[in-house]
Structures are given as C-alpha cells and as structure tokens.
Amino acid sequence: MKNQKLIDALNKCISHCNYCADACLETDNIKMMVDCIRTDRACAEICATTVKLLAMNSAFAKAMVEKCHEICNQCADECSKHDHQHCKDCADACKKCADACKAYLA
C-alpha cells in the first residue's frame, strides 16, 4: 500500500500514546501526569485521522501529516519529561513517527 511506512509509524505511535495515557492514570501522582495524558490522547487522535486520510489518498493528507509532525514532536517532548518506561517508549515512538512524517513531507 502507498505510504505504508508512514502508516506503520502512525499506528505504532497510536498504540504507544494510548498505552501511555492509560498507564499514566495508574501513577501515584496523577496530577503530575495530566499534560502527558492530554498530549497522548490528542496525538493518538491526530495520528488516527492521518492514517485514515492517507489510506483514502485524501487531498487533505499532506496538511494532516504536517500537523501530525508537530504534535508528535510535542508529545515526544512531554513524555520525555517523565521517568516511567511507558513514557520513554511513547516518546521514542512519537519521535520515530515525527521522523516518518518529515520524510513523507520531504
């Protein structure tokens, strides 16, 4: 499928963001994790929408990939502030997704 590498990176990012947000809900100091949870949720939604637009070869896909690149970088930055393994894994997945978006846009 066209754009499969980017779609794979987006799907991996979605999985890590959803897992991270859920795992953050289980932390002792949940107030410290609010920004992480919100950013994870937003990133997963933007990535999911981007996957759908890429799969249907939408004229709006490029604009969504640009926005996805931005939010994946923001999510990677937010998750990297925390020491939890799920946050570190999410930051890594988001960074790789941002890189895949950048490559798509090049």
C-alpha atoms as a PDB file:
ATOM      1  CA  MET A   1       0.000   0.000   0.000  1.00  0.00           C
ATOM      2  CA  LYS A   2       1.151   3.512  -0.778  1.00  0.00           C
ATOM      3  CA  ASN A   3       2.557   5.336   2.252  1.00  0.00           C
ATOM      4  CA  GLN A   4       2.809   2.068   4.219  1.00  0.00           C
ATOM      5  CA  LYS A   5       5.969   3.072   6.113  1.00  0.00           C
ATOM      6  CA  LEU A   6       4.299   6.230   7.412  1.00  0.00           C
ATOM      7  CA  ILE A   7       1.062   4.378   8.189  1.00  0.00           C
ATOM      8  CA  ASP A   8       3.027   1.791  10.189  1.00  0.00           C
ATOM      9  CA  ALA A   9       4.796   4.527  12.185  1.00  0.00           C
ATOM     10  CA  LEU A  10       1.474   6.280  12.819  1.00  0.00           C
ATOM     11  CA  ASN A  11      -0.175   3.075  14.035  1.00  0.00           C
ATOM     12  CA  LYS A  12       2.737   2.340  16.355  1.00  0.00           C
ATOM     13  CA  CYS A  13       2.524   5.872  17.712  1.00  0.00           C
ATOM     14  CA  ILE A  14      -1.234   5.495  18.298  1.00  0.00           C
ATOM     15  CA  SER A  15      -0.661   2.290  20.274  1.00  0.00           C
ATOM     16  CA  HIS A  16       2.080   3.795  22.431  1.00  0.00           C
ATOM     17  CA  CYS A  17       0.129   7.001  23.086  1.00  0.00           C
ATOM     18  CA  ASN A  18      -2.991   5.099  24.126  1.00  0.00           C
ATOM     19  CA  TYR A  19      -0.982   2.771  26.355  1.00  0.00           C
ATOM     20  CA  CYS A  20       0.963   5.662  27.896  1.00  0.00           C
ATOM     21  CA  ALA A  21      -2.188   7.666  28.637  1.00  0.00           C
ATOM     22  CA  ASP A  22      -3.783   4.653  30.303  1.00  0.00           C
ATOM     23  CA  ALA A  23      -0.653   3.780  32.278  1.00  0.00           C
ATOM     24  CA  CYS A  24      -0.346   7.392  33.444  1.00  0.00           C
ATOM     25  CA  LEU A  25      -3.802   7.070  35.006  1.00  0.00           C
ATOM     26  CA  GLU A  26      -2.353   4.401  37.305  1.00  0.00           C
ATOM     27  CA  THR A  27       0.510   6.543  38.623  1.00  0.00           C
ATOM     28  CA  ASP A  28       0.593   7.713  42.241  1.00  0.00           C
ATOM     29  CA  ASN A  29       0.864  11.407  41.391  1.00  0.00           C
ATOM     30  CA  ILE A  30      -1.699  11.672  38.608  1.00  0.00           C
ATOM     31  CA  LYS A  31      -1.776  15.488  38.771  1.00  0.00           C
ATOM     32  CA  MET A  32       1.822  15.495  37.561  1.00  0.00           C
ATOM     33  CA  MET A  33       0.755  13.400  34.548  1.00  0.00           C
ATOM     34  CA  VAL A  34      -2.226  15.472  33.331  1.00  0.00           C
ATOM     35  CA  ASP A  35      -0.330  17.189  30.496  1.00  0.00           C
ATOM     36  CA  CYS A  36       1.149  13.855  29.426  1.00  0.00           C
ATOM     37  CA  ILE A  37      -2.258  12.175  29.333  1.00  0.00           C
ATOM     38  CA  ARG A  38      -3.864  15.002  27.382  1.00  0.00           C
ATOM     39  CA  THR A  39      -0.998  15.206  24.906  1.00  0.00           C
ATOM     40  CA  ASP A  40      -1.021  11.410  24.438  1.00  0.00           C
ATOM     41  CA  ARG A  41      -4.741  11.431  23.717  1.00  0.00           C
ATOM     42  CA  ALA A  42      -4.511  14.307  21.242  1.00  0.00           C
ATOM     43  CA  CYS A  43      -1.531  12.738  19.490  1.00  0.00           C
ATOM     44  CA  ALA A  44      -3.308   9.393  19.125  1.00  0.00           C
ATOM     45  CA  GLU A  45      -6.366  11.115  17.624  1.00  0.00           C
ATOM     46  CA  ILE A  46      -4.351  13.198  15.153  1.00  0.00           C
ATOM     47  CA  CYS A  47      -2.375  10.107  14.108  1.00  0.00           C
ATOM     48  CA  ALA A  48      -5.551   8.039  13.663  1.00  0.00           C
ATOM     49  CA  THR A  49      -7.128  10.698  11.472  1.00  0.00           C
ATOM     50  CA  THR A  50      -3.926  10.972   9.454  1.00  0.00           C
ATOM     51  CA  VAL A  51      -3.887   7.192   8.865  1.00  0.00           C
ATOM     52  CA  LYS A  52      -7.451   7.330   7.558  1.00  0.00           C
ATOM     53  CA  LEU A  53      -6.707  10.226   5.203  1.00  0.00           C
ATOM     54  CA  LEU A  54      -3.549   8.552   3.880  1.00  0.00           C
ATOM     55  CA  ALA A  55      -5.398   5.267   3.335  1.00  0.00           C
ATOM     56  CA  MET A  56      -8.070   7.011   1.252  1.00  0.00           C
ATOM     57  CA  ASN A  57      -5.485   9.086  -0.631  1.00  0.00           C
ATOM     58  CA  SER A  58      -7.207  12.270   0.510  1.00  0.00           C
ATOM     59  CA  ALA A  59      -6.190  15.680  -0.763  1.00  0.00           C
ATOM     60  CA  PHE A  60      -6.067  16.708   2.923  1.00  0.00           C
ATOM     61  CA  ALA A  61      -3.459  14.102   3.875  1.00  0.00           C
ATOM     62  CA  LYS A  62      -0.435  16.373   3.450  1.00  0.00           C
ATOM     63  CA  ALA A  63      -1.884  19.044   5.756  1.00  0.00           C
ATOM     64  CA  MET A  64      -2.663  16.409   8.375  1.00  0.00           C
ATOM     65  CA  VAL A  65       0.839  14.935   8.112  1.00  0.00           C
ATOM     66  CA  GLU A  66       2.222  18.426   8.763  1.00  0.00           C
ATOM     67  CA  LYS A  67       0.045  18.782  11.891  1.00  0.00           C
ATOM     68  CA  CYS A  68       0.875  15.224  12.921  1.00  0.00           C
ATOM     69  CA  HIS A  69       4.599  16.000  12.682  1.00  0.00           C
ATOM     70  CA  GLU A  70       4.068  18.958  15.020  1.00  0.00           C
ATOM     71  CA  ILE A  71       2.034  17.121  17.654  1.00  0.00           C
ATOM     72  CA  CYS A  72       4.235  14.007  17.594  1.00  0.00           C
ATOM     73  CA  ASN A  73       7.217  16.220  18.415  1.00  0.00           C
ATOM     74  CA  GLN A  74       5.249  17.891  21.213  1.00  0.00           C
ATOM     75  CA  CYS A  75       4.172  14.508  22.597  1.00  0.00           C
ATOM     76  CA  ALA A  76       7.739  13.203  22.448  1.00  0.00           C
ATOM     77  CA  ASP A  77       8.901  16.291  24.367  1.00  0.00           C
ATOM     78  CA  GLU A  78       6.179  15.913  27.005  1.00  0.00           C
ATOM     79  CA  CYS A  79       6.692  12.175  27.512  1.00  0.00           C
ATOM     80  CA  SER A  80      10.456  12.574  27.729  1.00  0.00           C
ATOM     81  CA  LYS A  81       9.967  14.706  30.865  1.00  0.00           C
ATOM     82  CA  HIS A  82       8.881  11.601  32.799  1.00  0.00           C
ATOM     83  CA  ASP A  83      10.865   8.619  34.086  1.00  0.00           C
ATOM     84  CA  HIS A  84       8.192   5.951  33.563  1.00  0.00           C
ATOM     85  CA  GLN A  85       9.146   3.327  30.983  1.00  0.00           C
ATOM     86  CA  HIS A  86       5.806   3.727  29.183  1.00  0.00           C
ATOM     87  CA  CYS A  87       6.548   7.448  28.789  1.00  0.00           C
ATOM     88  CA  LYS A  88      10.040   6.753  27.455  1.00  0.00           C
ATOM     89  CA  ASP A  89       8.635   4.188  24.997  1.00  0.00           C
ATOM     90  CA  CYS A  90       5.947   6.630  23.904  1.00  0.00           C
ATOM     91  CA  ALA A  91       8.478   9.429  23.418  1.00  0.00           C
ATOM     92  CA  ASP A  92      10.526   7.112  21.208  1.00  0.00           C
ATOM     93  CA  ALA A  93       7.505   6.067  19.120  1.00  0.00           C
ATOM     94  CA  CYS A  94       6.424   9.697  18.736  1.00  0.00           C
ATOM     95  CA  LYS A  95       9.914  10.774  17.655  1.00  0.00           C
ATOM     96  CA  LYS A  96      10.047   7.980  15.063  1.00  0.00           C
ATOM     97  CA  CYS A  97       6.590   8.958  13.837  1.00  0.00           C
ATOM     98  CA  ALA A  98       7.619  12.615  13.571  1.00  0.00           C
ATOM     99  CA  ASP A  99      10.660  11.499  11.558  1.00  0.00           C
ATOM    100  CA  ALA A 100       8.426   9.425   9.256  1.00  0.00           C
ATOM    101  CA  CYS A 101       6.132  12.434   8.776  1.00  0.00           C
ATOM    102  CA  LYS A 102       9.132  14.611   7.932  1.00  0.00           C
ATOM    103  CA  ALA A 103      10.357  12.049   5.392  1.00  0.00           C
ATOM    104  CA  TYR A 104       6.900  11.930   3.799  1.00  0.00           C
ATOM    105  CA  LEU A 105       6.828  15.715   3.510  1.00  0.00           C
ATOM    106  CA  ALA A 106      10.352  15.968   2.026  1.00  0.00           C
END
